[in-house]
C-alpha atoms as a PDB file:
ATOM      1  CA  UNK A   1    -107.107  58.253 -16.473  1.00  0.00           C
ATOM      2  CA  UNK A   2    -106.334  55.641 -13.818  1.00  0.00           C
ATOM      3  CA  UNK A   3    -108.869  52.853 -13.401  1.00  0.00           C
ATOM      4  CA  UNK A   4    -109.702  50.754 -10.349  1.00  0.00           C
ATOM      5  CA  UNK A   5    -107.708  47.755 -11.582  1.00  0.00           C
ATOM      6  CA  UNK A   6    -104.560  49.861 -11.917  1.00  0.00           C
ATOM      7  CA  UNK A   7    -105.057  51.207  -8.399  1.00  0.00           C
ATOM      8  CA  UNK A   8    -105.612  47.692  -7.054  1.00  0.00           C
ATOM      9  CA  UNK A   9    -102.437  46.419  -8.719  1.00  0.00           C
ATOM     10  CA  UNK A  10    -100.461  49.382  -7.383  1.00  0.00           C
ATOM     11  CA  UNK A  11    -101.655  48.747  -3.824  1.00  0.00           C
ATOM     12  CA  UNK A  12    -100.922  45.021  -4.162  1.00  0.00           C
ATOM     13  CA  UNK A  13     -97.348  45.676  -5.272  1.00  0.00           C
ATOM     14  CA  UNK A  14     -96.743  48.143  -2.448  1.00  0.00           C
ATOM     15  CA  UNK A  15     -98.112  45.735   0.143  1.00  0.00           C
ATOM     16  CA  UNK A  16     -95.856  42.984  -1.211  1.00  0.00           C
ATOM     17  CA  UNK A  17     -92.766  45.161  -1.607  1.00  0.00           C
ATOM     18  CA  UNK A  18     -90.813  43.305   1.094  1.00  0.00           C
ATOM     19  CA  UNK A  19     -91.830  39.959  -0.402  1.00  0.00           C
ATOM     20  CA  UNK A  20     -90.555  41.081  -3.791  1.00  0.00           C
ATOM     21  CA  UNK A  21     -87.237  42.095  -2.272  1.00  0.00           C
ATOM     22  CA  UNK A  22     -86.993  38.745  -0.469  1.00  0.00           C
ATOM     23  CA  UNK A  23     -87.646  36.897  -3.718  1.00  0.00           C
ATOM     24  CA  UNK A  24     -85.044  38.964  -5.563  1.00  0.00           C
ATOM     25  CA  UNK A  25     -82.418  38.320  -2.878  1.00  0.00           C
ATOM     26  CA  UNK A  26     -83.239  34.594  -2.878  1.00  0.00           C
ATOM     27  CA  UNK A  27     -82.262  34.418  -6.546  1.00  0.00           C
ATOM     28  CA  UNK A  28     -78.684  35.519  -5.887  1.00  0.00           C
ATOM     29  CA  UNK A  29     -75.724  33.232  -6.482  1.00  0.00           C
ATOM     30  CA  UNK A  30     -72.477  33.006  -4.567  1.00  0.00           C
ATOM     31  CA  UNK A  31     -70.030  35.392  -6.212  1.00  0.00           C
ATOM     32  CA  UNK A  32     -66.870  36.054  -4.251  1.00  0.00           C
ATOM     33  CA  UNK A  33     -66.442  39.726  -3.399  1.00  0.00           C
ATOM     34  CA  UNK A  34     -69.656  40.803  -5.126  1.00  0.00           C
ATOM     35  CA  UNK A  35     -72.215  43.134  -3.592  1.00  0.00           C
ATOM     36  CA  UNK A  36     -74.864  40.837  -5.051  1.00  0.00           C
ATOM     37  CA  UNK A  37     -73.403  37.606  -3.676  1.00  0.00           C
ATOM     38  CA  UNK A  38     -75.681  35.288  -1.732  1.00  0.00           C
ATOM     39  CA  UNK A  39     -73.206  35.385   1.158  1.00  0.00           C
ATOM     40  CA  UNK A  40     -72.713  39.169   1.170  1.00  0.00           C
ATOM     41  CA  UNK A  41     -72.208  40.839   4.552  1.00  0.00           C
ATOM     42  CA  UNK A  42     -75.380  41.721   6.515  1.00  0.00           C
ATOM     43  CA  UNK A  43     -74.762  45.462   6.205  1.00  0.00           C
ATOM     44  CA  UNK A  44     -74.605  45.122   2.413  1.00  0.00           C
ATOM     45  CA  UNK A  45     -77.840  43.132   2.344  1.00  0.00           C
ATOM     46  CA  UNK A  46     -79.468  45.807   4.491  1.00  0.00           C
ATOM     47  CA  UNK A  47     -78.380  48.450   1.994  1.00  0.00           C
ATOM     48  CA  UNK A  48     -79.761  46.419  -0.916  1.00  0.00           C
ATOM     49  CA  UNK A  49     -83.090  46.038   0.884  1.00  0.00           C
ATOM     50  CA  UNK A  50     -83.389  49.766   1.546  1.00  0.00           C
ATOM     51  CA  UNK A  51     -82.483  50.686  -2.017  1.00  0.00           C
ATOM     52  CA  UNK A  52     -84.840  48.083  -3.462  1.00  0.00           C
ATOM     53  CA  UNK A  53     -87.714  49.237  -1.261  1.00  0.00           C
ATOM     54  CA  UNK A  54     -87.317  52.784  -2.554  1.00  0.00           C
ATOM     55  CA  UNK A  55     -87.128  51.481  -6.111  1.00  0.00           C
ATOM     56  CA  UNK A  56     -90.344  49.468  -5.659  1.00  0.00           C
ATOM     57  CA  UNK A  57     -92.163  52.492  -4.286  1.00  0.00           C
ATOM     58  CA  UNK A  58     -91.198  54.640  -7.246  1.00  0.00           C
ATOM     59  CA  UNK A  59     -91.493  52.247 -10.169  1.00  0.00           C
ATOM     60  CA  UNK A  60     -94.884  50.926  -9.013  1.00  0.00           C
ATOM     61  CA  UNK A  61     -96.245  54.414  -9.635  1.00  0.00           C
ATOM     62  CA  UNK A  62     -96.091  53.654 -13.353  1.00  0.00           C
ATOM     63  CA  UNK A  63     -99.564  52.131 -12.920  1.00  0.00           C
ATOM     64  CA  UNK A  64    -101.160  55.230 -11.365  1.00  0.00           C
ATOM     65  CA  UNK A  65     -99.206  58.194 -12.777  1.00  0.00           C
ATOM     66  CA  UNK A  66     -98.237  59.601 -16.131  1.00  0.00           C
ATOM     67  CA  UNK A  67     -94.660  58.999 -17.290  1.00  0.00           C
ATOM     68  CA  UNK A  68     -92.974  62.231 -16.197  1.00  0.00           C
ATOM     69  CA  UNK A  69     -94.110  62.281 -12.527  1.00  0.00           C
ATOM     70  CA  UNK A  70     -92.950  58.733 -11.765  1.00  0.00           C
ATOM     71  CA  UNK A  71     -89.796  59.260 -13.843  1.00  0.00           C
ATOM     72  CA  UNK A  72     -88.921  62.309 -11.738  1.00  0.00           C
ATOM     73  CA  UNK A  73     -89.081  60.125  -8.650  1.00  0.00           C
ATOM     74  CA  UNK A  74     -86.710  57.580 -10.166  1.00  0.00           C
ATOM     75  CA  UNK A  75     -84.025  60.049 -11.264  1.00  0.00           C
ATOM     76  CA  UNK A  76     -82.762  60.737  -7.703  1.00  0.00           C
ATOM     77  CA  UNK A  77     -82.761  56.982  -7.057  1.00  0.00           C
ATOM     78  CA  UNK A  78     -80.725  56.181 -10.164  1.00  0.00           C
ATOM     79  CA  UNK A  79     -78.215  58.913  -9.285  1.00  0.00           C
ATOM     80  CA  UNK A  80     -77.874  57.716  -5.693  1.00  0.00           C
ATOM     81  CA  UNK A  81     -77.484  54.037  -6.576  1.00  0.00           C
ATOM     82  CA  UNK A  82     -75.198  54.732  -9.550  1.00  0.00           C
ATOM     83  CA  UNK A  83     -72.831  56.688  -7.314  1.00  0.00           C
ATOM     84  CA  UNK A  84     -72.927  53.910  -4.721  1.00  0.00           C
ATOM     85  CA  UNK A  85     -72.187  51.195  -7.285  1.00  0.00           C
ATOM     86  CA  UNK A  86     -69.271  53.130  -8.795  1.00  0.00           C
ATOM     87  CA  UNK A  87     -67.777  53.808  -5.367  1.00  0.00           C
ATOM     88  CA  UNK A  88     -68.269  50.130  -4.487  1.00  0.00           C
ATOM     89  CA  UNK A  89     -66.468  49.087  -7.705  1.00  0.00           C
ATOM     90  CA  UNK A  90     -69.482  47.151  -8.977  1.00  0.00           C
ATOM     91  CA  UNK A  91     -69.218  46.738 -12.786  1.00  0.00           C
ATOM     92  CA  UNK A  92     -72.091  48.169 -14.800  1.00  0.00           C
ATOM     93  CA  UNK A  93     -72.910  44.849 -16.478  1.00  0.00           C
ATOM     94  CA  UNK A  94     -73.510  43.199 -13.086  1.00  0.00           C
ATOM     95  CA  UNK A  95     -75.955  45.916 -12.064  1.00  0.00           C
ATOM     96  CA  UNK A  96     -77.839  45.632 -15.351  1.00  0.00           C
ATOM     97  CA  UNK A  97     -77.993  41.869 -14.818  1.00  0.00           C
ATOM     98  CA  UNK A  98     -79.720  42.458 -11.463  1.00  0.00           C
ATOM     99  CA  UNK A  99     -82.217  44.799 -13.109  1.00  0.00           C
ATOM    100  CA  UNK A 100     -83.101  41.845 -15.323  1.00  0.00           C
ATOM    101  CA  UNK A 101     -83.492  39.536 -12.329  1.00  0.00           C
ATOM    102  CA  UNK A 102     -85.767  41.960 -10.525  1.00  0.00           C
ATOM    103  CA  UNK A 103     -87.782  42.658 -13.677  1.00  0.00           C
ATOM    104  CA  UNK A 104     -88.637  38.938 -13.736  1.00  0.00           C
ATOM    105  CA  UNK A 105     -89.622  39.103 -10.055  1.00  0.00           C
ATOM    106  CA  UNK A 106     -91.846  42.092 -10.746  1.00  0.00           C
ATOM    107  CA  UNK A 107     -93.613  40.332 -13.595  1.00  0.00           C
ATOM    108  CA  UNK A 108     -94.089  37.247 -11.405  1.00  0.00           C
ATOM    109  CA  UNK A 109     -95.865  39.350  -8.788  1.00  0.00           C
ATOM    110  CA  UNK A 110     -98.109  40.909 -11.418  1.00  0.00           C
ATOM    111  CA  UNK A 111     -99.014  37.355 -12.418  1.00  0.00           C
ATOM    112  CA  UNK A 112     -99.697  36.513  -8.753  1.00  0.00           C
ATOM    113  CA  UNK A 113    -102.001  39.520  -8.494  1.00  0.00           C
ATOM    114  CA  UNK A 114    -103.964  38.279 -11.496  1.00  0.00           C
ATOM    115  CA  UNK A 115    -104.330  34.706 -10.212  1.00  0.00           C
ATOM    116  CA  UNK A 116    -105.330  35.859  -6.720  1.00  0.00           C
ATOM    117  CA  UNK A 117    -108.029  38.248  -7.932  1.00  0.00           C
ATOM    118  CA  UNK A 118    -110.417  36.321 -10.182  1.00  0.00           C
ATOM    119  CA  UNK A 119    -113.262  38.435  -8.845  1.00  0.00           C
ATOM    120  CA  UNK A 120    -111.846  41.590 -10.466  1.00  0.00           C
ATOM    121  CA  UNK A 121    -112.583  40.398 -14.000  1.00  0.00           C
ATOM    122  CA  UNK A 122    -109.081  41.125 -15.234  1.00  0.00           C
ATOM    123  CA  UNK A 123    -108.827  40.821 -19.013  1.00  0.00           C
ATOM    124  CA  UNK A 124    -105.927  39.754 -21.196  1.00  0.00           C
ATOM    125  CA  UNK A 125    -105.747  43.326 -22.433  1.00  0.00           C
ATOM    126  CA  UNK A 126    -105.104  44.536 -18.876  1.00  0.00           C
ATOM    127  CA  UNK A 127    -102.299  42.019 -18.383  1.00  0.00           C
ATOM    128  CA  UNK A 128    -100.722  42.979 -21.696  1.00  0.00           C
ATOM    129  CA  UNK A 129    -100.991  46.688 -20.848  1.00  0.00           C
ATOM    130  CA  UNK A 130     -99.395  46.198 -17.419  1.00  0.00           C
ATOM    131  CA  UNK A 131     -96.570  44.094 -18.829  1.00  0.00           C
ATOM    132  CA  UNK A 132     -95.893  46.700 -21.481  1.00  0.00           C
ATOM    133  CA  UNK A 133     -95.911  49.518 -18.922  1.00  0.00           C
ATOM    134  CA  UNK A 134     -93.488  47.830 -16.542  1.00  0.00           C
ATOM    135  CA  UNK A 135     -91.123  46.722 -19.312  1.00  0.00           C
ATOM    136  CA  UNK A 136     -90.974  50.245 -20.717  1.00  0.00           C
ATOM    137  CA  UNK A 137     -90.417  51.596 -17.196  1.00  0.00           C
ATOM    138  CA  UNK A 138     -87.570  49.165 -16.509  1.00  0.00           C
ATOM    139  CA  UNK A 139     -85.950  49.999 -19.854  1.00  0.00           C
ATOM    140  CA  UNK A 140     -86.041  53.702 -19.007  1.00  0.00           C
ATOM    141  CA  UNK A 141     -84.579  53.071 -15.556  1.00  0.00           C
ATOM    142  CA  UNK A 142     -81.726  51.028 -17.039  1.00  0.00           C
ATOM    143  CA  UNK A 143     -81.017  53.844 -19.513  1.00  0.00           C
ATOM    144  CA  UNK A 144     -81.074  56.476 -16.761  1.00  0.00           C
ATOM    145  CA  UNK A 145     -78.933  54.363 -14.458  1.00  0.00           C
ATOM    146  CA  UNK A 146     -76.355  53.636 -17.175  1.00  0.00           C
ATOM    147  CA  UNK A 147     -76.136  57.329 -18.008  1.00  0.00           C
ATOM    148  CA  UNK A 148     -75.602  58.341 -14.370  1.00  0.00           C
ATOM    149  CA  UNK A 149     -73.189  55.451 -13.764  1.00  0.00           C
ATOM    150  CA  UNK A 150     -71.003  56.540 -16.679  1.00  0.00           C
ATOM    151  CA  UNK A 151     -71.100  60.171 -15.543  1.00  0.00           C
ATOM    152  CA  UNK A 152     -69.953  59.269 -12.029  1.00  0.00           C
ATOM    153  CA  UNK A 153     -67.370  56.789 -13.304  1.00  0.00           C
ATOM    154  CA  UNK A 154     -65.906  59.259 -15.807  1.00  0.00           C
ATOM    155  CA  UNK A 155     -65.722  61.953 -13.130  1.00  0.00           C
ATOM    156  CA  UNK A 156     -63.917  59.563 -10.800  1.00  0.00           C
ATOM    157  CA  UNK A 157     -61.466  58.536 -13.528  1.00  0.00           C
ATOM    158  CA  UNK A 158     -60.775  62.196 -14.341  1.00  0.00           C
ATOM    159  CA  UNK A 159     -60.060  62.932 -10.684  1.00  0.00           C
ATOM    160  CA  UNK A 160     -57.716  59.939 -10.446  1.00  0.00           C
ATOM    161  CA  UNK A 161     -55.915  60.949 -13.628  1.00  0.00           C
ATOM    162  CA  UNK A 162     -55.509  64.458 -12.263  1.00  0.00           C
ATOM    163  CA  UNK A 163     -53.963  63.117  -9.058  1.00  0.00           C
ATOM    164  CA  UNK A 164     -51.597  60.898 -11.054  1.00  0.00           C
ATOM    165  CA  UNK A 165     -50.587  63.829 -13.240  1.00  0.00           C
ATOM    166  CA  UNK A 166     -49.982  66.001 -10.185  1.00  0.00           C
ATOM    167  CA  UNK A 167     -47.861  63.293  -8.566  1.00  0.00           C
ATOM    168  CA  UNK A 168     -45.790  63.131 -11.759  1.00  0.00           C
ATOM    169  CA  UNK A 169     -44.692  66.750 -11.197  1.00  0.00           C
ATOM    170  CA  UNK A 170     -43.238  66.922  -7.669  1.00  0.00           C
ATOM    171  CA  UNK A 171     -41.395  70.037  -6.578  1.00  0.00           C
ATOM    172  CA  UNK A 172     -38.462  68.784  -4.476  1.00  0.00           C
ATOM    173  CA  UNK A 173     -37.010  71.319  -2.016  1.00  0.00           C
ATOM    174  CA  UNK A 174     -33.184  71.144  -1.932  1.00  0.00           C
ATOM    175  CA  UNK A 175     -32.526  74.242   0.159  1.00  0.00           C
ATOM    176  CA  UNK A 176     -34.416  77.085   1.750  1.00  0.00           C
ATOM    177  CA  UNK A 177     -36.699  78.536  -0.972  1.00  0.00           C
ATOM    178  CA  UNK A 178     -34.922  76.453  -3.661  1.00  0.00           C
ATOM    179  CA  UNK A 179     -36.616  73.580  -5.462  1.00  0.00           C
ATOM    180  CA  UNK A 180     -36.150  71.126  -8.313  1.00  0.00           C
ATOM    181  CA  UNK A 181     -38.878  69.907 -10.646  1.00  0.00           C
ATOM    182  CA  UNK A 182     -37.679  66.738 -12.420  1.00  0.00           C
ATOM    183  CA  UNK A 183     -39.985  65.952 -15.324  1.00  0.00           C
ATOM    184  CA  UNK A 184     -39.956  62.477 -16.847  1.00  0.00           C
ATOM    185  CA  UNK A 185     -41.819  61.084 -19.839  1.00  0.00           C
ATOM    186  CA  UNK A 186     -43.744  62.573 -22.718  1.00  0.00           C
ATOM    187  CA  UNK A 187     -45.534  65.829 -21.982  1.00  0.00           C
ATOM    188  CA  UNK A 188     -48.780  66.463 -23.844  1.00  0.00           C
ATOM    189  CA  UNK A 189     -51.273  69.289 -23.439  1.00  0.00           C
ATOM    190  CA  UNK A 190     -53.240  67.561 -20.668  1.00  0.00           C
ATOM    191  CA  UNK A 191     -50.179  66.807 -18.583  1.00  0.00           C
ATOM    192  CA  UNK A 192     -48.700  70.263 -19.215  1.00  0.00           C
ATOM    193  CA  UNK A 193     -51.852  71.922 -17.877  1.00  0.00           C
ATOM    194  CA  UNK A 194     -51.827  69.669 -14.801  1.00  0.00           C
ATOM    195  CA  UNK A 195     -48.143  70.480 -14.236  1.00  0.00           C
ATOM    196  CA  UNK A 196     -48.880  74.189 -14.391  1.00  0.00           C
ATOM    197  CA  UNK A 197     -51.603  74.029 -11.750  1.00  0.00           C
ATOM    198  CA  UNK A 198     -49.658  71.665  -9.494  1.00  0.00           C
ATOM    199  CA  UNK A 199     -46.308  73.464  -9.730  1.00  0.00           C
ATOM    200  CA  UNK A 200     -47.764  76.899  -9.071  1.00  0.00           C
ATOM    201  CA  UNK A 201     -49.565  75.589  -5.980  1.00  0.00           C
ATOM    202  CA  UNK A 202     -46.530  73.693  -4.681  1.00  0.00           C
ATOM    203  CA  UNK A 203     -44.179  76.623  -5.257  1.00  0.00           C
ATOM    204  CA  UNK A 204     -46.501  78.963  -3.409  1.00  0.00           C
ATOM    205  CA  UNK A 205     -46.963  76.568  -0.475  1.00  0.00           C
ATOM    206  CA  UNK A 206     -43.218  75.882  -0.166  1.00  0.00           C
ATOM    207  CA  UNK A 207     -42.330  79.567  -0.598  1.00  0.00           C
ATOM    208  CA  UNK A 208     -40.030  78.697  -3.488  1.00  0.00           C
ATOM    209  CA  UNK A 209     -38.121  81.618  -5.040  1.00  0.00           C
ATOM    210  CA  UNK A 210     -35.961  79.630  -7.461  1.00  0.00           C
ATOM    211  CA  UNK A 211     -37.097  76.507  -9.301  1.00  0.00           C
ATOM    212  CA  UNK A 212     -34.935  74.294 -11.480  1.00  0.00           C
ATOM    213  CA  UNK A 213     -37.068  72.577 -14.116  1.00  0.00           C
ATOM    214  CA  UNK A 214     -35.131  69.592 -15.429  1.00  0.00           C
ATOM    215  CA  UNK A 215     -36.256  68.276 -18.827  1.00  0.00           C
ATOM    216  CA  UNK A 216     -33.556  65.647 -19.342  1.00  0.00           C
ATOM    217  CA  UNK A 217     -36.124  62.886 -18.841  1.00  0.00           C
ATOM    218  CA  UNK A 218     -38.556  64.335 -21.392  1.00  0.00           C
ATOM    219  CA  UNK A 219     -38.063  62.654 -24.787  1.00  0.00           C
ATOM    220  CA  UNK A 220     -40.946  64.409 -26.486  1.00  0.00           C
ATOM    221  CA  UNK A 221     -43.022  67.520 -26.007  1.00  0.00           C
ATOM    222  CA  UNK A 222     -45.412  68.765 -28.683  1.00  0.00           C
ATOM    223  CA  UNK A 223     -45.820  72.408 -29.668  1.00  0.00           C
ATOM    224  CA  UNK A 224     -48.914  72.962 -27.554  1.00  0.00           C
ATOM    225  CA  UNK A 225     -47.189  71.496 -24.501  1.00  0.00           C
ATOM    226  CA  UNK A 226     -44.138  73.712 -25.139  1.00  0.00           C
ATOM    227  CA  UNK A 227     -46.466  76.689 -25.155  1.00  0.00           C
ATOM    228  CA  UNK A 228     -47.957  75.523 -21.847  1.00  0.00           C
ATOM    229  CA  UNK A 229     -44.437  75.206 -20.403  1.00  0.00           C
ATOM    230  CA  UNK A 230     -43.775  78.828 -21.288  1.00  0.00           C
ATOM    231  CA  UNK A 231     -47.001  79.703 -19.467  1.00  0.00           C
ATOM    232  CA  UNK A 232     -45.765  77.783 -16.411  1.00  0.00           C
ATOM    233  CA  UNK A 233     -42.607  79.889 -16.431  1.00  0.00           C
ATOM    234  CA  UNK A 234     -44.610  83.108 -16.769  1.00  0.00           C
ATOM    235  CA  UNK A 235     -46.901  81.999 -13.953  1.00  0.00           C
ATOM    236  CA  UNK A 236     -43.902  81.284 -11.728  1.00  0.00           C
ATOM    237  CA  UNK A 237     -42.462  84.704 -12.526  1.00  0.00           C
ATOM    238  CA  UNK A 238     -45.720  86.317 -11.435  1.00  0.00           C
ATOM    239  CA  UNK A 239     -45.329  84.484  -8.116  1.00  0.00           C
ATOM    240  CA  UNK A 240     -41.808  85.839  -7.774  1.00  0.00           C
ATOM    241  CA  UNK A 241     -40.205  82.505  -8.664  1.00  0.00           C
ATOM    242  CA  UNK A 242     -37.195  82.405 -10.966  1.00  0.00           C
ATOM    243  CA  UNK A 243     -37.498  79.418 -13.300  1.00  0.00           C
ATOM    244  CA  UNK A 244     -34.346  77.818 -14.697  1.00  0.00           C
ATOM    245  CA  UNK A 245     -34.567  75.184 -17.430  1.00  0.00           C
ATOM    246  CA  UNK A 246     -32.047  72.376 -17.752  1.00  0.00           C
ATOM    247  CA  UNK A 247     -31.524  69.254 -19.831  1.00  0.00           C
ATOM    248  CA  UNK A 248     -33.690  70.269 -22.792  1.00  0.00           C
ATOM    249  CA  UNK A 249     -33.175  67.751 -25.573  1.00  0.00           C
ATOM    250  CA  UNK A 250     -32.403  68.985 -29.104  1.00  0.00           C
ATOM    251  CA  UNK A 251     -35.664  67.642 -30.543  1.00  0.00           C
ATOM    252  CA  UNK A 252     -37.669  69.381 -27.824  1.00  0.00           C
ATOM    253  CA  UNK A 253     -35.777  72.627 -28.390  1.00  0.00           C
ATOM    254  CA  UNK A 254     -36.277  72.341 -32.159  1.00  0.00           C
ATOM    255  CA  UNK A 255     -40.023  71.835 -31.769  1.00  0.00           C
ATOM    256  CA  UNK A 256     -40.231  74.953 -29.590  1.00  0.00           C
ATOM    257  CA  UNK A 257     -38.244  77.045 -32.090  1.00  0.00           C
ATOM    258  CA  UNK A 258     -40.347  75.872 -35.041  1.00  0.00           C
ATOM    259  CA  UNK A 259     -43.493  76.999 -33.235  1.00  0.00           C
ATOM    260  CA  UNK A 260     -42.010  80.383 -32.374  1.00  0.00           C
ATOM    261  CA  UNK A 261     -42.007  79.720 -28.630  1.00  0.00           C
ATOM    262  CA  UNK A 262     -39.471  82.020 -27.020  1.00  0.00           C
ATOM    263  CA  UNK A 263     -37.478  81.020 -23.948  1.00  0.00           C
ATOM    264  CA  UNK A 264     -34.918  83.816 -24.426  1.00  0.00           C
ATOM    265  CA  UNK A 265     -35.854  85.455 -21.131  1.00  0.00           C
ATOM    266  CA  UNK A 266     -35.369  82.183 -19.253  1.00  0.00           C
ATOM    267  CA  UNK A 267     -32.030  80.902 -17.987  1.00  0.00           C
ATOM    268  CA  UNK A 268     -31.271  77.608 -19.745  1.00  0.00           C
ATOM    269  CA  UNK A 269     -28.512  75.176 -18.779  1.00  0.00           C
ATOM    270  CA  UNK A 270     -27.343  71.975 -20.534  1.00  0.00           C
ATOM    271  CA  UNK A 271     -28.032  69.789 -17.486  1.00  0.00           C
ATOM    272  CA  UNK A 272     -29.135  70.004 -13.882  1.00  0.00           C
ATOM    273  CA  UNK A 273     -25.591  69.639 -12.548  1.00  0.00           C
ATOM    274  CA  UNK A 274     -24.422  72.651 -14.546  1.00  0.00           C
ATOM    275  CA  UNK A 275     -27.427  74.662 -13.392  1.00  0.00           C
ATOM    276  CA  UNK A 276     -26.875  73.870  -9.708  1.00  0.00           C
ATOM    277  CA  UNK A 277     -23.122  74.510  -9.925  1.00  0.00           C
ATOM    278  CA  UNK A 278     -23.819  78.152 -10.747  1.00  0.00           C
ATOM    279  CA  UNK A 279     -25.808  78.624  -7.567  1.00  0.00           C
ATOM    280  CA  UNK A 280     -23.941  80.029  -4.596  1.00  0.00           C
ATOM    281  CA  UNK A 281     -24.745  77.681  -1.727  1.00  0.00           C
END
């Protein structure tokens, strides 16, 4: 059950929220290009103030609420700020460092509350209890923030990797409804799946009816990737696209045969030049 001292501390912290933010910002150093730099642009400082104000409002509730209610208020904040920091390319360790700076500010203001309120008969036990509460709260926030930061960062990396993989499989139109897909580099399961999705979409958008898939630049392709390649060919056939393979290296062909992957229904040529020479232009 909340007591009057806890309520008084809570109200004190809320009334000094702007002062706490000012103190936190005054402790910044000059760090070129950093969101937390002392000479950061005014719009960035404004954003920091708004985010910090919301943080103060929520974490101060640790003194008047049970754990779960105040924690529920902090989860949306950690998600919002984590996404902002990832998109702003702020490293996680720098954010955690600022949590430490503001934790010290928070504890300083609890100390100020104690020294300014001798009439409240605050005991050492109260101070210890408040310090313990706020330290536990900050630790939980850092854990939550780190978790959300990593989730957002991993999602962003996955999206970037997907784009890179898609760009590594360009369908090049060489004539009306005719395209070439030059593949270069090792093809593993992840890349093979990305190629399948990208090539099917590109072929459909370009209204391709014949696609030359050149493998001369592929030095290695494992069994699973070979299986995915056969799925690409089947998918193209379902779209009405004739797939023609060229330039398959002996080691790639051997790996496919050993795994029982059958390309017998697919036209295969020794190289792209030979494949194109058979087409009536």
